[in-house]
Amino acid sequence: MAKKVRTKTTLADALDVKSVWQAIPDFTMGGISLQQFVAVHDAADSLEKQYSQKSVELDGVKANRDDKVRELNDLVTRFLSGIRAAYGPDSAVYEQAGGTRSSLRKSPARQARAAPVANTAATSNG
């Protein structure tokens, strides 16, 4: 499994690194210089801000979608109730609309009684 990205922690750590690195600008890691590090940091920070903004927008879209789905579900339920009332609970039309015909429902089965639990603790005479 891929390692989880810790965006906020990494950006905070990168700020610390950036401030220390600015004190010693001649330091390099292999071929990476301070300017390259700053460019990567700025790009990551910009993308994080963009992601946060889109996340807020998406939350609004999701809430609107959920409201409409609830409204649609209510309409479907009302439609099925209307078909059941007009054509009966065992009609082919009710089944075609998505309901389960009463003749196709399973009758409730009796549940077996649970056997009493025996006490397995041994008694000692002492």
N, C-alpha and C. Protein backbone atom coordinates (compact mmCIF):
# COMPACT_ATOMS: atom_id res chain seq x y z
N MET A 1 0.84 -1.17 0.00
CA MET A 1 0.00 0.00 0.00
C MET A 1 0.89 1.24 0.00
N ALA A 2 0.44 2.25 -0.71
CA ALA A 2 1.21 3.48 -0.81
C ALA A 2 1.23 4.21 0.53
N LYS A 3 2.31 4.91 0.76
CA LYS A 3 2.46 5.66 1.98
C LYS A 3 1.51 6.85 1.96
N LYS A 4 0.85 7.12 3.10
CA LYS A 4 -0.10 8.22 3.18
C LYS A 4 0.65 9.55 3.13
N VAL A 5 0.12 10.47 2.36
CA VAL A 5 0.73 11.78 2.20
C VAL A 5 0.25 12.67 3.34
N ARG A 6 1.19 13.24 4.07
CA ARG A 6 0.86 14.14 5.18
C ARG A 6 1.17 15.57 4.71
N THR A 7 0.24 16.16 4.02
CA THR A 7 0.45 17.44 3.34
C THR A 7 0.80 18.57 4.31
N LYS A 8 -0.03 18.79 5.31
CA LYS A 8 0.17 19.93 6.20
C LYS A 8 1.47 19.79 6.99
N THR A 9 1.77 18.60 7.45
CA THR A 9 3.00 18.36 8.20
C THR A 9 4.22 18.59 7.31
N THR A 10 4.16 18.09 6.10
CA THR A 10 5.29 18.23 5.17
C THR A 10 5.51 19.69 4.81
N LEU A 11 4.42 20.43 4.57
CA LEU A 11 4.58 21.85 4.24
C LEU A 11 5.16 22.63 5.42
N ALA A 12 4.73 22.28 6.62
CA ALA A 12 5.28 22.95 7.81
C ALA A 12 6.77 22.63 7.97
N ASP A 13 7.14 21.36 7.78
CA ASP A 13 8.55 20.97 7.86
C ASP A 13 9.37 21.66 6.77
N ALA A 14 8.78 21.80 5.60
CA ALA A 14 9.49 22.43 4.48
C ALA A 14 9.79 23.90 4.77
N LEU A 15 8.89 24.57 5.49
CA LEU A 15 9.16 25.96 5.86
C LEU A 15 10.37 26.06 6.78
N ASP A 16 10.48 25.10 7.72
CA ASP A 16 11.66 25.07 8.60
C ASP A 16 12.94 24.86 7.79
N VAL A 17 12.88 23.88 6.88
CA VAL A 17 14.04 23.58 6.04
C VAL A 17 14.41 24.80 5.21
N LYS A 18 13.42 25.46 4.65
CA LYS A 18 13.66 26.62 3.80
C LYS A 18 14.36 27.73 4.59
N SER A 19 13.92 27.99 5.82
CA SER A 19 14.55 29.07 6.59
C SER A 19 15.99 28.73 6.96
N VAL A 20 16.27 27.46 7.29
CA VAL A 20 17.64 27.06 7.60
C VAL A 20 18.50 27.11 6.35
N TRP A 21 17.94 26.62 5.23
CA TRP A 21 18.69 26.56 3.98
C TRP A 21 19.03 27.97 3.49
N GLN A 22 18.13 28.93 3.74
CA GLN A 22 18.41 30.31 3.33
C GLN A 22 19.59 30.90 4.10
N ALA A 23 19.84 30.38 5.29
CA ALA A 23 20.99 30.84 6.07
C ALA A 23 22.30 30.32 5.48
N ILE A 24 22.25 29.15 4.80
CA ILE A 24 23.44 28.56 4.16
C ILE A 24 23.12 28.25 2.70
N PRO A 25 23.01 29.27 1.85
CA PRO A 25 22.53 29.09 0.47
C PRO A 25 23.47 28.28 -0.42
N ASP A 26 24.73 28.07 -0.02
CA ASP A 26 25.65 27.30 -0.85
C ASP A 26 25.45 25.79 -0.68
N PHE A 27 24.68 25.38 0.33
CA PHE A 27 24.45 23.96 0.58
C PHE A 27 23.61 23.38 -0.56
N THR A 28 24.00 22.18 -1.03
CA THR A 28 23.21 21.47 -2.05
C THR A 28 23.07 20.02 -1.64
N MET A 29 22.01 19.40 -2.12
CA MET A 29 21.79 17.96 -1.91
C MET A 29 21.87 17.32 -3.28
N GLY A 30 22.99 16.73 -3.56
CA GLY A 30 23.16 16.19 -4.90
C GLY A 30 23.08 17.32 -5.90
N GLY A 31 22.09 17.31 -6.75
CA GLY A 31 21.93 18.37 -7.74
C GLY A 31 20.84 19.35 -7.35
N ILE A 32 20.29 19.25 -6.14
CA ILE A 32 19.19 20.12 -5.72
C ILE A 32 19.74 21.33 -4.98
N SER A 33 19.38 22.52 -5.46
CA SER A 33 19.83 23.75 -4.83
C SER A 33 18.66 24.39 -4.09
N LEU A 34 18.93 25.47 -3.38
CA LEU A 34 17.89 26.18 -2.65
C LEU A 34 16.79 26.67 -3.59
N GLN A 35 17.17 27.16 -4.76
CA GLN A 35 16.16 27.67 -5.70
C GLN A 35 15.22 26.56 -6.17
N GLN A 36 15.76 25.37 -6.42
CA GLN A 36 14.92 24.25 -6.85
C GLN A 36 14.00 23.81 -5.72
N PHE A 37 14.52 23.80 -4.49
CA PHE A 37 13.70 23.44 -3.33
C PHE A 37 12.55 24.43 -3.16
N VAL A 38 12.85 25.71 -3.26
CA VAL A 38 11.83 26.74 -3.11
C VAL A 38 10.77 26.60 -4.21
N ALA A 39 11.17 26.27 -5.42
CA ALA A 39 10.22 26.10 -6.52
C ALA A 39 9.27 24.93 -6.24
N VAL A 40 9.81 23.82 -5.75
CA VAL A 40 8.97 22.65 -5.43
C VAL A 40 8.04 22.98 -4.27
N HIS A 41 8.58 23.66 -3.25
CA HIS A 41 7.76 24.05 -2.10
C HIS A 41 6.61 24.96 -2.52
N ASP A 42 6.92 25.97 -3.31
CA ASP A 42 5.89 26.91 -3.75
C ASP A 42 4.81 26.23 -4.59
N ALA A 43 5.22 25.30 -5.44
CA ALA A 43 4.26 24.56 -6.26
C ALA A 43 3.36 23.69 -5.39
N ALA A 44 3.95 23.00 -4.42
CA ALA A 44 3.16 22.14 -3.52
C ALA A 44 2.20 22.98 -2.68
N ASP A 45 2.66 24.12 -2.18
CA ASP A 45 1.81 25.00 -1.38
C ASP A 45 0.66 25.56 -2.21
N SER A 46 0.94 25.94 -3.43
CA SER A 46 -0.10 26.45 -4.33
C SER A 46 -1.15 25.38 -4.61
N LEU A 47 -0.69 24.16 -4.86
CA LEU A 47 -1.62 23.06 -5.14
C LEU A 47 -2.45 22.71 -3.90
N GLU A 48 -1.88 22.81 -2.72
CA GLU A 48 -2.63 22.55 -1.49
C GLU A 48 -3.74 23.58 -1.31
N LYS A 49 -3.42 24.85 -1.57
CA LYS A 49 -4.44 25.90 -1.46
C LYS A 49 -5.55 25.68 -2.49
N GLN A 50 -5.16 25.30 -3.70
CA GLN A 50 -6.14 25.02 -4.75
C GLN A 50 -7.01 23.83 -4.37
N TYR A 51 -6.40 22.81 -3.80
CA TYR A 51 -7.14 21.62 -3.36
C TYR A 51 -8.14 21.97 -2.27
N SER A 52 -7.72 22.79 -1.32
CA SER A 52 -8.61 23.20 -0.23
C SER A 52 -9.82 23.95 -0.77
N GLN A 53 -9.59 24.84 -1.72
CA GLN A 53 -10.68 25.61 -2.32
C GLN A 53 -11.65 24.67 -3.05
N LYS A 54 -11.12 23.75 -3.83
CA LYS A 54 -11.97 22.81 -4.56
C LYS A 54 -12.74 21.91 -3.61
N SER A 55 -12.12 21.56 -2.48
CA SER A 55 -12.78 20.72 -1.49
C SER A 55 -14.02 21.41 -0.93
N VAL A 56 -13.91 22.70 -0.68
CA VAL A 56 -15.05 23.47 -0.18
C VAL A 56 -16.14 23.51 -1.24
N GLU A 57 -15.76 23.74 -2.49
CA GLU A 57 -16.73 23.75 -3.58
C GLU A 57 -17.41 22.38 -3.70
N LEU A 58 -16.62 21.33 -3.59
CA LEU A 58 -17.16 19.98 -3.72
C LEU A 58 -18.12 19.66 -2.59
N ASP A 59 -17.84 20.15 -1.38
CA ASP A 59 -18.76 19.94 -0.26
C ASP A 59 -20.13 20.53 -0.57
N GLY A 60 -20.15 21.72 -1.19
CA GLY A 60 -21.41 22.35 -1.58
C GLY A 60 -22.15 21.55 -2.64
N VAL A 61 -21.43 21.08 -3.62
CA VAL A 61 -22.04 20.28 -4.69
C VAL A 61 -22.58 18.97 -4.12
N LYS A 62 -21.83 18.36 -3.23
CA LYS A 62 -22.26 17.09 -2.62
C LYS A 62 -23.53 17.30 -1.80
N ALA A 63 -23.61 18.40 -1.04
CA ALA A 63 -24.81 18.67 -0.24
C ALA A 63 -26.02 18.87 -1.15
N ASN A 64 -25.85 19.60 -2.24
CA ASN A 64 -26.95 19.79 -3.19
C ASN A 64 -27.39 18.48 -3.82
N ARG A 65 -26.40 17.65 -4.18
CA ARG A 65 -26.71 16.34 -4.76
C ARG A 65 -27.50 15.49 -3.77
N ASP A 66 -27.04 15.45 -2.52
CA ASP A 66 -27.72 14.64 -1.51
C ASP A 66 -29.16 15.10 -1.29
N ASP A 67 -29.38 16.42 -1.29
CA ASP A 67 -30.74 16.94 -1.14
C ASP A 67 -31.64 16.50 -2.29
N LYS A 68 -31.12 16.57 -3.51
CA LYS A 68 -31.92 16.17 -4.67
C LYS A 68 -32.18 14.66 -4.68
N VAL A 69 -31.20 13.88 -4.24
CA VAL A 69 -31.40 12.42 -4.20
C VAL A 69 -32.47 12.07 -3.16
N ARG A 70 -32.45 12.77 -2.02
CA ARG A 70 -33.50 12.53 -1.01
C ARG A 70 -34.88 12.89 -1.57
N GLU A 71 -34.95 14.02 -2.27
CA GLU A 71 -36.22 14.44 -2.87
C GLU A 71 -36.69 13.41 -3.90
N LEU A 72 -35.77 12.92 -4.72
CA LEU A 72 -36.10 11.92 -5.73
C LEU A 72 -36.55 10.62 -5.07
N ASN A 73 -35.89 10.22 -3.99
CA ASN A 73 -36.27 9.01 -3.28
C ASN A 73 -37.69 9.14 -2.72
N ASP A 74 -38.04 10.31 -2.21
CA ASP A 74 -39.40 10.53 -1.71
C ASP A 74 -40.42 10.40 -2.84
N LEU A 75 -40.08 10.93 -4.02
CA LEU A 75 -40.99 10.82 -5.16
C LEU A 75 -41.16 9.37 -5.61
N VAL A 76 -40.08 8.61 -5.62
CA VAL A 76 -40.16 7.20 -6.00
C VAL A 76 -41.03 6.44 -5.01
N THR A 77 -40.85 6.72 -3.73
CA THR A 77 -41.65 6.05 -2.69
C THR A 77 -43.13 6.41 -2.85
N ARG A 78 -43.41 7.68 -3.09
CA ARG A 78 -44.80 8.11 -3.29
C ARG A 78 -45.40 7.45 -4.53
N PHE A 79 -44.60 7.33 -5.60
CA PHE A 79 -45.09 6.70 -6.82
C PHE A 79 -45.45 5.24 -6.56
N LEU A 80 -44.55 4.53 -5.89
CA LEU A 80 -44.82 3.12 -5.59
C LEU A 80 -46.06 2.98 -4.71
N SER A 81 -46.23 3.87 -3.75
CA SER A 81 -47.42 3.82 -2.90
C SER A 81 -48.68 4.08 -3.71
N GLY A 82 -48.60 5.01 -4.66
CA GLY A 82 -49.75 5.29 -5.52
C GLY A 82 -50.10 4.11 -6.41
N ILE A 83 -49.09 3.48 -6.98
CA ILE A 83 -49.33 2.30 -7.83
C ILE A 83 -49.92 1.17 -6.99
N ARG A 84 -49.40 0.99 -5.79
CA ARG A 84 -49.90 -0.06 -4.90
C ARG A 84 -51.37 0.20 -4.56
N ALA A 85 -51.70 1.48 -4.30
CA ALA A 85 -53.09 1.82 -3.96
C ALA A 85 -54.01 1.67 -5.16
N ALA A 86 -53.55 2.02 -6.35
CA ALA A 86 -54.41 1.98 -7.54
C ALA A 86 -54.55 0.57 -8.11
N TYR A 87 -53.46 -0.21 -8.10
CA TYR A 87 -53.49 -1.51 -8.77
C TYR A 87 -53.40 -2.70 -7.83
N GLY A 88 -53.08 -2.47 -6.58
CA GLY A 88 -53.01 -3.54 -5.60
C GLY A 88 -51.58 -4.00 -5.36
N PRO A 89 -51.34 -4.58 -4.15
CA PRO A 89 -49.99 -4.99 -3.79
C PRO A 89 -49.50 -6.25 -4.49
N ASP A 90 -50.41 -6.95 -5.18
CA ASP A 90 -50.01 -8.18 -5.86
C ASP A 90 -50.11 -8.03 -7.39
N SER A 91 -50.15 -6.82 -7.87
CA SER A 91 -50.33 -6.61 -9.31
C SER A 91 -49.00 -6.66 -10.06
N ALA A 92 -49.09 -6.97 -11.34
CA ALA A 92 -47.90 -6.99 -12.19
C ALA A 92 -47.36 -5.57 -12.38
N VAL A 93 -48.26 -4.58 -12.39
CA VAL A 93 -47.83 -3.20 -12.56
C VAL A 93 -46.98 -2.76 -11.37
N TYR A 94 -47.39 -3.16 -10.16
CA TYR A 94 -46.63 -2.82 -8.95
C TYR A 94 -45.23 -3.44 -9.01
N GLU A 95 -45.15 -4.68 -9.47
CA GLU A 95 -43.85 -5.35 -9.61
C GLU A 95 -43.01 -4.64 -10.68
N GLN A 96 -43.64 -4.27 -11.78
CA GLN A 96 -42.94 -3.61 -12.88
C GLN A 96 -42.39 -2.25 -12.44
N ALA A 97 -43.09 -1.59 -11.51
CA ALA A 97 -42.65 -0.29 -11.01
C ALA A 97 -41.52 -0.40 -10.00
N GLY A 98 -41.22 -1.62 -9.56
CA GLY A 98 -40.10 -1.81 -8.64
C GLY A 98 -40.49 -2.37 -7.29
N GLY A 99 -41.76 -2.59 -7.06
CA GLY A 99 -42.21 -3.16 -5.79
C GLY A 99 -42.12 -4.68 -5.82
N THR A 100 -42.26 -5.29 -4.67
CA THR A 100 -42.28 -6.75 -4.57
C THR A 100 -43.71 -7.19 -4.35
N ARG A 101 -44.22 -8.01 -5.25
CA ARG A 101 -45.60 -8.49 -5.15
C ARG A 101 -45.78 -9.27 -3.85
N SER A 102 -46.94 -9.11 -3.24
CA SER A 102 -47.18 -9.77 -1.96
C SER A 102 -47.15 -11.29 -2.10
N SER A 103 -47.51 -11.83 -3.26
CA SER A 103 -47.48 -13.27 -3.44
C SER A 103 -46.04 -13.79 -3.57
N LEU A 104 -45.10 -12.91 -3.87
CA LEU A 104 -43.70 -13.33 -4.01
C LEU A 104 -42.90 -13.14 -2.73
N ARG A 105 -43.51 -12.53 -1.74
CA ARG A 105 -42.80 -12.33 -0.47
C ARG A 105 -42.74 -13.65 0.28
N LYS A 106 -41.64 -13.85 0.98
CA LYS A 106 -41.50 -15.06 1.79
C LYS A 106 -42.32 -14.88 3.06
N SER A 107 -43.00 -15.95 3.44
CA SER A 107 -43.73 -15.87 4.70
C SER A 107 -42.73 -15.98 5.84
N PRO A 108 -43.01 -15.32 6.95
CA PRO A 108 -42.05 -15.36 8.06
C PRO A 108 -41.91 -16.78 8.60
N ALA A 109 -40.70 -17.19 8.79
CA ALA A 109 -40.43 -18.53 9.33
C ALA A 109 -40.22 -18.43 10.83
N ARG A 110 -40.61 -19.47 11.51
CA ARG A 110 -40.39 -19.50 12.95
C ARG A 110 -38.92 -19.63 13.24
N GLN A 111 -38.49 -18.91 14.24
CA GLN A 111 -37.10 -19.02 14.63
C GLN A 111 -36.98 -20.10 15.70
N ALA A 112 -35.94 -20.90 15.59
CA ALA A 112 -35.72 -21.95 16.57
C ALA A 112 -35.35 -21.33 17.90
N ARG A 113 -35.82 -21.95 18.96
CA ARG A 113 -35.47 -21.45 20.29
C ARG A 113 -34.02 -21.78 20.58
N ALA A 114 -33.37 -20.88 21.25
CA ALA A 114 -31.98 -21.10 21.61
C ALA A 114 -31.92 -22.09 22.76
N ALA A 115 -30.98 -23.01 22.66
CA ALA A 115 -30.80 -24.00 23.73
C ALA A 115 -30.22 -23.30 24.95
N PRO A 116 -30.66 -23.69 26.15
CA PRO A 116 -30.11 -23.06 27.35
C PRO A 116 -28.62 -23.35 27.48
N VAL A 117 -27.89 -22.37 27.94
CA VAL A 117 -26.45 -22.50 28.09
C VAL A 117 -26.17 -23.23 29.40
N ALA A 118 -25.39 -24.30 29.28
CA ALA A 118 -25.05 -25.08 30.48
C ALA A 118 -23.87 -24.42 31.18
N ASN A 119 -23.89 -24.46 32.49
CA ASN A 119 -22.79 -23.89 33.27
C ASN A 119 -21.66 -24.90 33.28
N THR A 120 -20.52 -24.54 32.73
CA THR A 120 -19.39 -25.47 32.62
C THR A 120 -18.38 -25.30 33.75
N ALA A 121 -18.65 -24.37 34.63
CA ALA A 121 -17.70 -24.17 35.75
C ALA A 121 -17.78 -25.36 36.69
N ALA A 122 -16.66 -25.89 37.01
CA ALA A 122 -16.62 -27.05 37.91
C ALA A 122 -16.75 -26.59 39.35
N THR A 123 -17.53 -27.34 40.10
CA THR A 123 -17.67 -27.01 41.52
C THR A 123 -16.73 -27.89 42.32
N SER A 124 -16.12 -27.32 43.28
CA SER A 124 -15.18 -28.10 44.08
C SER A 124 -15.68 -28.18 45.51
N ASN A 125 -15.50 -29.33 46.09
CA ASN A 125 -15.87 -29.51 47.50
C ASN A 125 -14.63 -29.27 48.32
N GLY A 126 -14.71 -28.42 49.21
CA GLY A 126 -13.49 -28.11 49.89
C GLY A 126 -13.58 -28.00 51.28
